[in-house]
């Protein structure tokens, strides 16, 4: 049985471009400058760049990289595809140091490459979670230390980065880096991402009780303070174990693989862990499918070095 990493597009540059073009241009080349699809021809000649086309409507050359996370990058396309597959298939992520050693690029290049891929993994789905009475578990966790915050003299969460996550049972996850655990921090996220028909399940935090009462949401809680983690009411299982499982993978990855993350970059790491959770094996998505879904997310998400610092 051959490994997927033996596929030609991971090792041959022309094959890599062909692979990307088929997924981003399923109906043929599209000019990123004028949007034209006619009067486009492939540029030839020994000195021509691989994958170069010219649009005779706007008279401009282009490649499939324009308007994507690949734009202005000198990294070979085959290395991009290798990195996307490695990040998509590693449950707890892969560090920039490991990418630097595997791809043979500089550490700075590997770091920037990985941030671009995390941007490609960012979901653009804004549909309400828990439609038609689905169960959505909501919880918060704390990670790292807020830059510039004193280590003593404030409440515990005030010194740490706060992450709020909504997980739909049997579905996707959406995580957000927020300022705190107050109603004002959490309520806008629940309103924007959760259906009014959803069954919300949380721990006993007062913020969730207030939000559910004000917004008229179906709400059940488990009392972690009394060592209650699962409660059954007929066929309904009340718990936050699903979102706690998500946090288990997230924290193992952040502490064991990445080890350090600046506060301003935390949202990109959340994109990565949300993406892998929402496209997991339990939902019928294997490593190859997940990598292809990440590849299809590269369009329209260009990052420059300035925007990642």
C-alpha atoms as a PDB file:
ATOM      1  CA  UNK A   1       0.000   0.000   0.000  1.00  0.00           C
ATOM      2  CA  UNK A   2       1.479   3.338  -1.069  1.00  0.00           C
ATOM      3  CA  UNK A   3       1.628   6.334   1.247  1.00  0.00           C
ATOM      4  CA  UNK A   4      -0.311   9.413   0.110  1.00  0.00           C
ATOM      5  CA  UNK A   5       2.954  11.353   0.477  1.00  0.00           C
ATOM      6  CA  UNK A   6       4.325   9.376  -2.469  1.00  0.00           C
ATOM      7  CA  UNK A   7       1.797  11.064  -4.763  1.00  0.00           C
ATOM      8  CA  UNK A   8       3.398  12.900  -7.672  1.00  0.00           C
ATOM      9  CA  UNK A   9       2.058  16.358  -6.764  1.00  0.00           C
ATOM     10  CA  UNK A  10       4.101  16.273  -3.534  1.00  0.00           C
ATOM     11  CA  UNK A  11       7.351  15.900  -5.473  1.00  0.00           C
ATOM     12  CA  UNK A  12       6.936  17.375  -8.965  1.00  0.00           C
ATOM     13  CA  UNK A  13       6.349  21.129  -9.356  1.00  0.00           C
ATOM     14  CA  UNK A  14       4.315  20.963 -12.563  1.00  0.00           C
ATOM     15  CA  UNK A  15       2.142  18.233 -11.100  1.00  0.00           C
ATOM     16  CA  UNK A  16       1.670  20.354  -7.972  1.00  0.00           C
ATOM     17  CA  UNK A  17       0.412  23.301 -10.042  1.00  0.00           C
ATOM     18  CA  UNK A  18      -1.896  21.014 -12.010  1.00  0.00           C
ATOM     19  CA  UNK A  19      -3.284  19.606  -8.746  1.00  0.00           C
ATOM     20  CA  UNK A  20      -4.034  23.075  -7.345  1.00  0.00           C
ATOM     21  CA  UNK A  21      -5.516  24.364 -10.617  1.00  0.00           C
ATOM     22  CA  UNK A  22      -7.985  21.468 -10.821  1.00  0.00           C
ATOM     23  CA  UNK A  23      -9.299  22.282  -7.351  1.00  0.00           C
ATOM     24  CA  UNK A  24      -9.384  26.075  -7.543  1.00  0.00           C
ATOM     25  CA  UNK A  25     -10.388  26.256 -11.222  1.00  0.00           C
ATOM     26  CA  UNK A  26     -12.671  23.236 -11.742  1.00  0.00           C
ATOM     27  CA  UNK A  27     -14.099  24.804 -14.928  1.00  0.00           C
ATOM     28  CA  UNK A  28     -10.817  26.107 -16.299  1.00  0.00           C
ATOM     29  CA  UNK A  29      -8.571  29.144 -15.663  1.00  0.00           C
ATOM     30  CA  UNK A  30     -10.140  32.321 -14.277  1.00  0.00           C
ATOM     31  CA  UNK A  31      -8.292  35.640 -14.510  1.00  0.00           C
ATOM     32  CA  UNK A  32      -7.908  37.044 -10.961  1.00  0.00           C
ATOM     33  CA  UNK A  33      -7.502  40.572 -12.365  1.00  0.00           C
ATOM     34  CA  UNK A  34     -10.679  40.964 -14.439  1.00  0.00           C
ATOM     35  CA  UNK A  35     -12.598  37.743 -13.720  1.00  0.00           C
ATOM     36  CA  UNK A  36     -12.486  36.711 -17.368  1.00  0.00           C
ATOM     37  CA  UNK A  37     -12.680  33.057 -18.407  1.00  0.00           C
ATOM     38  CA  UNK A  38     -12.340  33.477 -22.169  1.00  0.00           C
ATOM     39  CA  UNK A  39      -9.335  34.389 -24.275  1.00  0.00           C
ATOM     40  CA  UNK A  40      -6.938  32.913 -21.728  1.00  0.00           C
ATOM     41  CA  UNK A  41      -3.916  30.987 -22.918  1.00  0.00           C
ATOM     42  CA  UNK A  42      -1.056  29.225 -21.224  1.00  0.00           C
ATOM     43  CA  UNK A  43       2.280  30.940 -21.627  1.00  0.00           C
ATOM     44  CA  UNK A  44       5.044  28.798 -23.130  1.00  0.00           C
ATOM     45  CA  UNK A  45       8.790  28.895 -23.553  1.00  0.00           C
ATOM     46  CA  UNK A  46      11.742  27.713 -21.494  1.00  0.00           C
ATOM     47  CA  UNK A  47      11.952  30.956 -19.502  1.00  0.00           C
ATOM     48  CA  UNK A  48       8.253  31.040 -18.647  1.00  0.00           C
ATOM     49  CA  UNK A  49       7.203  30.410 -15.045  1.00  0.00           C
ATOM     50  CA  UNK A  50       5.463  27.142 -14.298  1.00  0.00           C
ATOM     51  CA  UNK A  51       1.700  27.567 -14.363  1.00  0.00           C
ATOM     52  CA  UNK A  52       1.760  31.012 -16.045  1.00  0.00           C
ATOM     53  CA  UNK A  53      -1.256  32.166 -18.074  1.00  0.00           C
ATOM     54  CA  UNK A  54      -2.125  35.365 -19.926  1.00  0.00           C
ATOM     55  CA  UNK A  55      -5.558  36.944 -20.126  1.00  0.00           C
ATOM     56  CA  UNK A  56      -6.114  38.679 -23.475  1.00  0.00           C
ATOM     57  CA  UNK A  57      -9.086  40.592 -22.100  1.00  0.00           C
ATOM     58  CA  UNK A  58      -7.069  42.641 -19.595  1.00  0.00           C
ATOM     59  CA  UNK A  59      -3.633  41.819 -21.072  1.00  0.00           C
ATOM     60  CA  UNK A  60      -2.222  40.685 -17.726  1.00  0.00           C
ATOM     61  CA  UNK A  61      -0.314  37.502 -16.826  1.00  0.00           C
ATOM     62  CA  UNK A  62      -1.233  35.429 -13.785  1.00  0.00           C
ATOM     63  CA  UNK A  63      -0.894  32.067 -12.082  1.00  0.00           C
ATOM     64  CA  UNK A  64      -3.199  30.132  -9.781  1.00  0.00           C
ATOM     65  CA  UNK A  65      -1.279  31.665  -6.840  1.00  0.00           C
ATOM     66  CA  UNK A  66      -2.664  35.187  -7.378  1.00  0.00           C
ATOM     67  CA  UNK A  67      -5.314  36.116  -4.810  1.00  0.00           C
ATOM     68  CA  UNK A  68      -4.511  33.161  -2.545  1.00  0.00           C
ATOM     69  CA  UNK A  69      -2.274  32.506   0.444  1.00  0.00           C
ATOM     70  CA  UNK A  70       0.402  31.434  -2.065  1.00  0.00           C
ATOM     71  CA  UNK A  71       0.700  34.868  -3.692  1.00  0.00           C
ATOM     72  CA  UNK A  72       4.198  36.426  -3.738  1.00  0.00           C
ATOM     73  CA  UNK A  73       5.594  33.306  -2.097  1.00  0.00           C
ATOM     74  CA  UNK A  74       8.849  31.822  -3.381  1.00  0.00           C
ATOM     75  CA  UNK A  75       8.153  28.500  -1.648  1.00  0.00           C
ATOM     76  CA  UNK A  76       7.722  25.668  -4.194  1.00  0.00           C
ATOM     77  CA  UNK A  77       4.097  24.680  -4.669  1.00  0.00           C
ATOM     78  CA  UNK A  78       4.919  21.043  -3.856  1.00  0.00           C
ATOM     79  CA  UNK A  79       6.201  22.171  -0.440  1.00  0.00           C
ATOM     80  CA  UNK A  80       2.994  24.102   0.164  1.00  0.00           C
ATOM     81  CA  UNK A  81       0.998  20.947  -0.541  1.00  0.00           C
ATOM     82  CA  UNK A  82       3.203  18.880   1.761  1.00  0.00           C
ATOM     83  CA  UNK A  83       2.773  21.435   4.561  1.00  0.00           C
ATOM     84  CA  UNK A  84      -1.005  21.589   4.096  1.00  0.00           C
ATOM     85  CA  UNK A  85      -1.257  17.803   4.280  1.00  0.00           C
ATOM     86  CA  UNK A  86       0.960  17.608   7.384  1.00  0.00           C
ATOM     87  CA  UNK A  87      -1.006  20.309   9.233  1.00  0.00           C
ATOM     88  CA  UNK A  88      -4.360  18.868   8.207  1.00  0.00           C
ATOM     89  CA  UNK A  89      -3.472  15.307   9.200  1.00  0.00           C
ATOM     90  CA  UNK A  90      -1.696  15.991  12.527  1.00  0.00           C
ATOM     91  CA  UNK A  91      -4.348  15.846  15.236  1.00  0.00           C
ATOM     92  CA  UNK A  92      -2.485  18.174  17.590  1.00  0.00           C
ATOM     93  CA  UNK A  93      -0.702  20.198  14.916  1.00  0.00           C
ATOM     94  CA  UNK A  94       2.870  20.341  13.671  1.00  0.00           C
ATOM     95  CA  UNK A  95       5.350  22.934  14.871  1.00  0.00           C
ATOM     96  CA  UNK A  96       7.189  25.438  12.693  1.00  0.00           C
ATOM     97  CA  UNK A  97      10.439  23.811  13.808  1.00  0.00           C
ATOM     98  CA  UNK A  98       9.266  20.460  12.468  1.00  0.00           C
ATOM     99  CA  UNK A  99       8.092  22.000   9.184  1.00  0.00           C
ATOM    100  CA  UNK A 100      11.444  23.793   8.876  1.00  0.00           C
ATOM    101  CA  UNK A 101      13.289  20.467   9.218  1.00  0.00           C
ATOM    102  CA  UNK A 102      10.902  18.503   6.994  1.00  0.00           C
ATOM    103  CA  UNK A 103      10.689  21.000   4.130  1.00  0.00           C
ATOM    104  CA  UNK A 104      14.274  22.212   4.313  1.00  0.00           C
ATOM    105  CA  UNK A 105      13.265  25.889   4.539  1.00  0.00           C
ATOM    106  CA  UNK A 106      14.208  28.518   7.110  1.00  0.00           C
ATOM    107  CA  UNK A 107      12.394  28.656  10.433  1.00  0.00           C
ATOM    108  CA  UNK A 108      11.011  32.101   9.571  1.00  0.00           C
ATOM    109  CA  UNK A 109       9.586  30.753   6.308  1.00  0.00           C
ATOM    110  CA  UNK A 110       8.039  27.745   8.069  1.00  0.00           C
ATOM    111  CA  UNK A 111       6.437  29.999  10.689  1.00  0.00           C
ATOM    112  CA  UNK A 112       4.913  32.301   8.087  1.00  0.00           C
ATOM    113  CA  UNK A 113       3.819  29.364   5.918  1.00  0.00           C
ATOM    114  CA  UNK A 114       2.004  27.742   8.833  1.00  0.00           C
ATOM    115  CA  UNK A 115       0.159  30.987   9.654  1.00  0.00           C
ATOM    116  CA  UNK A 116      -0.975  31.297   6.051  1.00  0.00           C
ATOM    117  CA  UNK A 117      -2.311  27.742   6.142  1.00  0.00           C
ATOM    118  CA  UNK A 118      -4.180  28.474   9.384  1.00  0.00           C
ATOM    119  CA  UNK A 119      -5.812  31.392   7.596  1.00  0.00           C
ATOM    120  CA  UNK A 120      -6.860  29.021   4.800  1.00  0.00           C
ATOM    121  CA  UNK A 121      -8.410  26.788   7.472  1.00  0.00           C
ATOM    122  CA  UNK A 122     -10.537  29.655   8.780  1.00  0.00           C
ATOM    123  CA  UNK A 123     -14.199  28.797   8.354  1.00  0.00           C
ATOM    124  CA  UNK A 124     -16.495  31.196   6.526  1.00  0.00           C
ATOM    125  CA  UNK A 125     -19.630  29.297   7.587  1.00  0.00           C
ATOM    126  CA  UNK A 126     -22.041  31.658   9.364  1.00  0.00           C
ATOM    127  CA  UNK A 127     -25.083  29.367   9.451  1.00  0.00           C
ATOM    128  CA  UNK A 128     -26.683  28.973  12.904  1.00  0.00           C
ATOM    129  CA  UNK A 129     -25.507  25.996  14.929  1.00  0.00           C
ATOM    130  CA  UNK A 130     -28.081  23.649  16.431  1.00  0.00           C
ATOM    131  CA  UNK A 131     -30.887  24.289  13.935  1.00  0.00           C
ATOM    132  CA  UNK A 132     -34.001  22.106  14.285  1.00  0.00           C
ATOM    133  CA  UNK A 133     -33.384  21.477  17.971  1.00  0.00           C
ATOM    134  CA  UNK A 134     -29.776  20.297  17.771  1.00  0.00           C
ATOM    135  CA  UNK A 135     -27.609  20.308  20.880  1.00  0.00           C
ATOM    136  CA  UNK A 136     -24.873  22.922  21.197  1.00  0.00           C
ATOM    137  CA  UNK A 137     -22.448  22.758  24.103  1.00  0.00           C
ATOM    138  CA  UNK A 138     -20.858  26.045  25.168  1.00  0.00           C
ATOM    139  CA  UNK A 139     -17.931  26.478  27.519  1.00  0.00           C
ATOM    140  CA  UNK A 140     -14.898  28.648  28.131  1.00  0.00           C
ATOM    141  CA  UNK A 141     -11.296  27.852  28.923  1.00  0.00           C
ATOM    142  CA  UNK A 142      -8.174  29.798  29.800  1.00  0.00           C
ATOM    143  CA  UNK A 143      -4.886  29.652  27.964  1.00  0.00           C
ATOM    144  CA  UNK A 144      -1.525  31.340  28.412  1.00  0.00           C
ATOM    145  CA  UNK A 145      -0.982  34.706  30.037  1.00  0.00           C
ATOM    146  CA  UNK A 146      -2.267  38.087  28.904  1.00  0.00           C
ATOM    147  CA  UNK A 147       0.719  40.158  27.819  1.00  0.00           C
ATOM    148  CA  UNK A 148       1.378  42.989  30.236  1.00  0.00           C
ATOM    149  CA  UNK A 149      -1.065  41.733  32.877  1.00  0.00           C
ATOM    150  CA  UNK A 150       0.194  41.401  36.459  1.00  0.00           C
ATOM    151  CA  UNK A 151       0.473  37.822  37.652  1.00  0.00           C
ATOM    152  CA  UNK A 152      -1.100  38.631  40.997  1.00  0.00           C
ATOM    153  CA  UNK A 153      -3.807  40.873  42.342  1.00  0.00           C
ATOM    154  CA  UNK A 154      -6.491  40.166  39.731  1.00  0.00           C
ATOM    155  CA  UNK A 155      -9.086  37.453  39.184  1.00  0.00           C
ATOM    156  CA  UNK A 156      -7.677  34.282  37.644  1.00  0.00           C
ATOM    157  CA  UNK A 157      -9.263  34.734  34.207  1.00  0.00           C
ATOM    158  CA  UNK A 158      -8.144  38.386  33.995  1.00  0.00           C
ATOM    159  CA  UNK A 159      -4.517  37.225  33.769  1.00  0.00           C
ATOM    160  CA  UNK A 160      -5.185  34.649  31.058  1.00  0.00           C
ATOM    161  CA  UNK A 161      -6.459  34.530  27.502  1.00  0.00           C
ATOM    162  CA  UNK A 162     -10.104  33.486  27.452  1.00  0.00           C
ATOM    163  CA  UNK A 163     -11.462  31.180  24.743  1.00  0.00           C
ATOM    164  CA  UNK A 164     -15.183  30.514  24.264  1.00  0.00           C
ATOM    165  CA  UNK A 165     -16.161  27.513  22.151  1.00  0.00           C
ATOM    166  CA  UNK A 166     -19.473  26.323  20.752  1.00  0.00           C
ATOM    167  CA  UNK A 167     -19.577  22.650  19.707  1.00  0.00           C
ATOM    168  CA  UNK A 168     -22.577  21.125  18.001  1.00  0.00           C
ATOM    169  CA  UNK A 169     -22.914  17.447  18.853  1.00  0.00           C
ATOM    170  CA  UNK A 170     -22.181  15.448  15.749  1.00  0.00           C
ATOM    171  CA  UNK A 171     -21.115  18.629  13.977  1.00  0.00           C
ATOM    172  CA  UNK A 172     -18.650  21.491  13.967  1.00  0.00           C
ATOM    173  CA  UNK A 173     -16.827  23.673  16.482  1.00  0.00           C
ATOM    174  CA  UNK A 174     -16.383  27.448  16.551  1.00  0.00           C
ATOM    175  CA  UNK A 175     -13.938  29.079  18.950  1.00  0.00           C
ATOM    176  CA  UNK A 176     -13.387  32.720  19.812  1.00  0.00           C
ATOM    177  CA  UNK A 177     -10.710  34.617  21.713  1.00  0.00           C
ATOM    178  CA  UNK A 178     -12.645  37.006  23.981  1.00  0.00           C
ATOM    179  CA  UNK A 179     -11.824  39.577  26.634  1.00  0.00           C
ATOM    180  CA  UNK A 180     -13.476  37.801  29.562  1.00  0.00           C
ATOM    181  CA  UNK A 181     -16.316  35.624  30.823  1.00  0.00           C
ATOM    182  CA  UNK A 182     -18.874  38.376  31.381  1.00  0.00           C
ATOM    183  CA  UNK A 183     -22.267  38.374  29.686  1.00  0.00           C
ATOM    184  CA  UNK A 184     -21.117  41.211  27.413  1.00  0.00           C
ATOM    185  CA  UNK A 185     -18.243  39.030  26.174  1.00  0.00           C
ATOM    186  CA  UNK A 186     -20.245  35.843  25.561  1.00  0.00           C
ATOM    187  CA  UNK A 187     -23.758  36.931  24.587  1.00  0.00           C
ATOM    188  CA  UNK A 188     -22.879  38.437  21.149  1.00  0.00           C
ATOM    189  CA  UNK A 189     -21.095  35.197  20.178  1.00  0.00           C
ATOM    190  CA  UNK A 190     -24.050  32.996  21.156  1.00  0.00           C
ATOM    191  CA  UNK A 191     -26.501  35.290  19.352  1.00  0.00           C
ATOM    192  CA  UNK A 192     -24.414  35.339  16.167  1.00  0.00           C
ATOM    193  CA  UNK A 193     -23.651  31.619  15.994  1.00  0.00           C
ATOM    194  CA  UNK A 194     -26.417  29.615  17.666  1.00  0.00           C
ATOM    195  CA  UNK A 195     -29.936  28.967  16.420  1.00  0.00           C
ATOM    196  CA  UNK A 196     -32.812  30.053  18.647  1.00  0.00           C
ATOM    197  CA  UNK A 197     -34.133  26.485  18.280  1.00  0.00           C
ATOM    198  CA  UNK A 198     -30.947  24.928  19.647  1.00  0.00           C
ATOM    199  CA  UNK A 199     -30.676  23.088  22.944  1.00  0.00           C
ATOM    200  CA  UNK A 200     -27.838  24.890  24.748  1.00  0.00           C
ATOM    201  CA  UNK A 201     -25.878  22.942  27.357  1.00  0.00           C
ATOM    202  CA  UNK A 202     -23.358  24.567  29.687  1.00  0.00           C
ATOM    203  CA  UNK A 203     -21.921  24.365  33.153  1.00  0.00           C
ATOM    204  CA  UNK A 204     -23.565  26.282  36.006  1.00  0.00           C
ATOM    205  CA  UNK A 205     -21.883  29.658  35.283  1.00  0.00           C
ATOM    206  CA  UNK A 206     -24.296  32.543  35.921  1.00  0.00           C
ATOM    207  CA  UNK A 207     -23.450  34.227  32.603  1.00  0.00           C
ATOM    208  CA  UNK A 208     -25.024  31.393  30.617  1.00  0.00           C
ATOM    209  CA  UNK A 209     -28.115  31.300  32.819  1.00  0.00           C
ATOM    210  CA  UNK A 210     -28.649  35.028  32.318  1.00  0.00           C
ATOM    211  CA  UNK A 211     -28.130  34.840  28.540  1.00  0.00           C
ATOM    212  CA  UNK A 212     -30.558  31.923  28.205  1.00  0.00           C
ATOM    213  CA  UNK A 213     -33.209  33.725  30.243  1.00  0.00           C
ATOM    214  CA  UNK A 214     -32.892  37.036  28.395  1.00  0.00           C
ATOM    215  CA  UNK A 215     -32.791  35.462  24.917  1.00  0.00           C
ATOM    216  CA  UNK A 216     -35.380  32.767  25.635  1.00  0.00           C
ATOM    217  CA  UNK A 217     -33.091  29.835  24.845  1.00  0.00           C
ATOM    218  CA  UNK A 218     -33.606  26.166  25.719  1.00  0.00           C
ATOM    219  CA  UNK A 219     -30.925  25.665  28.349  1.00  0.00           C
ATOM    220  CA  UNK A 220     -29.700  22.796  30.510  1.00  0.00           C
ATOM    221  CA  UNK A 221     -26.763  22.831  32.910  1.00  0.00           C
ATOM    222  CA  UNK A 222     -24.526  20.402  34.749  1.00  0.00           C
ATOM    223  CA  UNK A 223     -23.162  21.321  38.155  1.00  0.00           C
ATOM    224  CA  UNK A 224     -19.412  20.746  37.930  1.00  0.00           C
ATOM    225  CA  UNK A 225     -19.050  22.274  41.393  1.00  0.00           C
ATOM    226  CA  UNK A 226     -20.972  19.303  42.783  1.00  0.00           C
ATOM    227  CA  UNK A 227     -18.996  16.800  40.667  1.00  0.00           C
ATOM    228  CA  UNK A 228     -21.887  16.365  38.247  1.00  0.00           C
ATOM    229  CA  UNK A 229     -20.659  15.827  34.698  1.00  0.00           C
ATOM    230  CA  UNK A 230     -23.482  13.869  33.031  1.00  0.00           C
ATOM    231  CA  UNK A 231     -27.182  13.808  33.777  1.00  0.00           C
ATOM    232  CA  UNK A 232     -29.864  11.921  31.898  1.00  0.00           C
ATOM    233  CA  UNK A 233     -33.426  13.134  31.572  1.00  0.00           C
ATOM    234  CA  UNK A 234     -35.264  10.525  29.530  1.00  0.00           C
ATOM    235  CA  UNK A 235     -33.474  10.247  26.187  1.00  0.00           C
ATOM    236  CA  UNK A 236     -31.667  13.546  26.674  1.00  0.00           C
ATOM    237  CA  UNK A 237     -28.086  13.445  27.914  1.00  0.00           C
ATOM    238  CA  UNK A 238     -27.062  16.696  29.597  1.00  0.00           C
ATOM    239  CA  UNK A 239     -23.309  17.301  29.686  1.00  0.00           C
ATOM    240  CA  UNK A 240     -20.496  19.444  28.341  1.00  0.00           C
ATOM    241  CA  UNK A 241     -18.204  16.470  27.714  1.00  0.00           C
ATOM    242  CA  UNK A 242     -18.041  17.110  23.958  1.00  0.00           C
ATOM    243  CA  UNK A 243     -16.675  20.634  24.283  1.00  0.00           C
ATOM    244  CA  UNK A 244     -14.399  19.487  27.120  1.00  0.00           C
ATOM    245  CA  UNK A 245     -13.010  16.850  24.738  1.00  0.00           C
ATOM    246  CA  UNK A 246     -12.324  19.582  22.181  1.00  0.00           C
ATOM    247  CA  UNK A 247     -10.411  21.576  24.812  1.00  0.00           C
ATOM    248  CA  UNK A 248      -8.406  18.481  25.738  1.00  0.00           C
ATOM    249  CA  UNK A 249      -7.046  18.196  22.189  1.00  0.00           C
ATOM    250  CA  UNK A 250      -6.563  21.979  21.918  1.00  0.00           C
ATOM    251  CA  UNK A 251      -4.522  22.250  25.115  1.00  0.00           C
ATOM    252  CA  UNK A 252      -2.435  19.170  24.393  1.00  0.00           C
ATOM    253  CA  UNK A 253      -1.577  20.651  21.026  1.00  0.00           C
ATOM    254  CA  UNK A 254      -0.830  24.133  22.326  1.00  0.00           C
ATOM    255  CA  UNK A 255       1.302  22.926  25.236  1.00  0.00           C
ATOM    256  CA  UNK A 256       2.875  19.831  23.707  1.00  0.00           C
ATOM    257  CA  UNK A 257       3.365  20.847  20.075  1.00  0.00           C
ATOM    258  CA  UNK A 258       3.375  24.628  19.830  1.00  0.00           C
ATOM    259  CA  UNK A 259       4.463  25.371  23.427  1.00  0.00           C
ATOM    260  CA  UNK A 260       4.243  29.144  22.973  1.00  0.00           C
ATOM    261  CA  UNK A 261       1.676  31.377  21.276  1.00  0.00           C
ATOM    262  CA  UNK A 262       1.471  35.149  21.410  1.00  0.00           C
ATOM    263  CA  UNK A 263      -1.919  36.550  22.347  1.00  0.00           C
ATOM    264  CA  UNK A 264      -2.340  38.302  18.970  1.00  0.00           C
ATOM    265  CA  UNK A 265      -1.932  34.997  17.092  1.00  0.00           C
ATOM    266  CA  UNK A 266      -4.260  32.877  19.238  1.00  0.00           C
ATOM    267  CA  UNK A 267      -7.237  33.273  16.882  1.00  0.00           C
ATOM    268  CA  UNK A 268      -5.261  31.630  14.058  1.00  0.00           C
ATOM    269  CA  UNK A 269      -4.478  28.563  16.169  1.00  0.00           C
ATOM    270  CA  UNK A 270      -8.166  28.366  17.066  1.00  0.00           C
ATOM    271  CA  UNK A 271      -8.934  28.352  13.317  1.00  0.00           C
ATOM    272  CA  UNK A 272      -6.660  25.341  12.958  1.00  0.00           C
ATOM    273  CA  UNK A 273      -8.147  23.289  15.801  1.00  0.00           C
ATOM    274  CA  UNK A 274     -11.722  24.197  14.788  1.00  0.00           C
ATOM    275  CA  UNK A 275     -10.982  23.106  11.220  1.00  0.00           C
ATOM    276  CA  UNK A 276      -9.617  19.697  12.168  1.00  0.00           C
ATOM    277  CA  UNK A 277     -12.458  19.082  14.632  1.00  0.00           C
ATOM    278  CA  UNK A 278     -15.156  20.111  12.163  1.00  0.00           C
ATOM    279  CA  UNK A 279     -13.649  17.901   9.435  1.00  0.00           C
ATOM    280  CA  UNK A 280     -12.811  14.833  11.492  1.00  0.00           C
ATOM    281  CA  UNK A 281     -12.851  11.112  10.796  1.00  0.00           C
ATOM    282  CA  UNK A 282     -16.053  10.646  12.828  1.00  0.00           C
ATOM    283  CA  UNK A 283     -17.819  12.804  10.214  1.00  0.00           C
ATOM    284  CA  UNK A 284     -16.399  10.742   7.350  1.00  0.00           C
ATOM    285  CA  UNK A 285     -13.499  13.067   6.489  1.00  0.00           C
ATOM    286  CA  UNK A 286     -10.110  11.367   6.171  1.00  0.00           C
ATOM    287  CA  UNK A 287      -6.687  13.024   6.067  1.00  0.00           C
ATOM    288  CA  UNK A 288      -6.677  13.393   2.280  1.00  0.00           C
ATOM    289  CA  UNK A 289     -10.173  14.912   2.201  1.00  0.00           C
ATOM    290  CA  UNK A 290      -9.249  17.289   5.012  1.00  0.00           C
ATOM    291  CA  UNK A 291      -6.141  18.495   3.191  1.00  0.00           C
ATOM    292  CA  UNK A 292      -8.171  19.106   0.024  1.00  0.00           C
ATOM    293  CA  UNK A 293     -10.739  21.106   2.004  1.00  0.00           C
ATOM    294  CA  UNK A 294      -7.933  23.231   3.412  1.00  0.00           C
ATOM    295  CA  UNK A 295      -6.582  23.742  -0.109  1.00  0.00           C
ATOM    296  CA  UNK A 296      -9.961  24.960  -1.333  1.00  0.00           C
ATOM    297  CA  UNK A 297      -9.895  27.561   1.453  1.00  0.00           C
ATOM    298  CA  UNK A 298      -6.742  29.308   0.189  1.00  0.00           C
ATOM    299  CA  UNK A 299      -8.581  31.626  -2.241  1.00  0.00           C
ATOM    300  CA  UNK A 300      -9.244  35.195  -1.167  1.00  0.00           C
ATOM    301  CA  UNK A 301      -7.271  34.891   2.057  1.00  0.00           C
ATOM    302  CA  UNK A 302      -3.918  36.376   1.211  1.00  0.00           C
ATOM    303  CA  UNK A 303      -1.719  37.307   4.200  1.00  0.00           C
ATOM    304  CA  UNK A 304       1.370  39.491   4.107  1.00  0.00           C
ATOM    305  CA  UNK A 305       4.193  39.287   6.616  1.00  0.00           C
ATOM    306  CA  UNK A 306       3.121  42.673   8.001  1.00  0.00           C
ATOM    307  CA  UNK A 307      -0.404  41.426   8.778  1.00  0.00           C
ATOM    308  CA  UNK A 308       0.881  38.465  10.796  1.00  0.00           C
ATOM    309  CA  UNK A 309       3.035  40.606  13.083  1.00  0.00           C
END
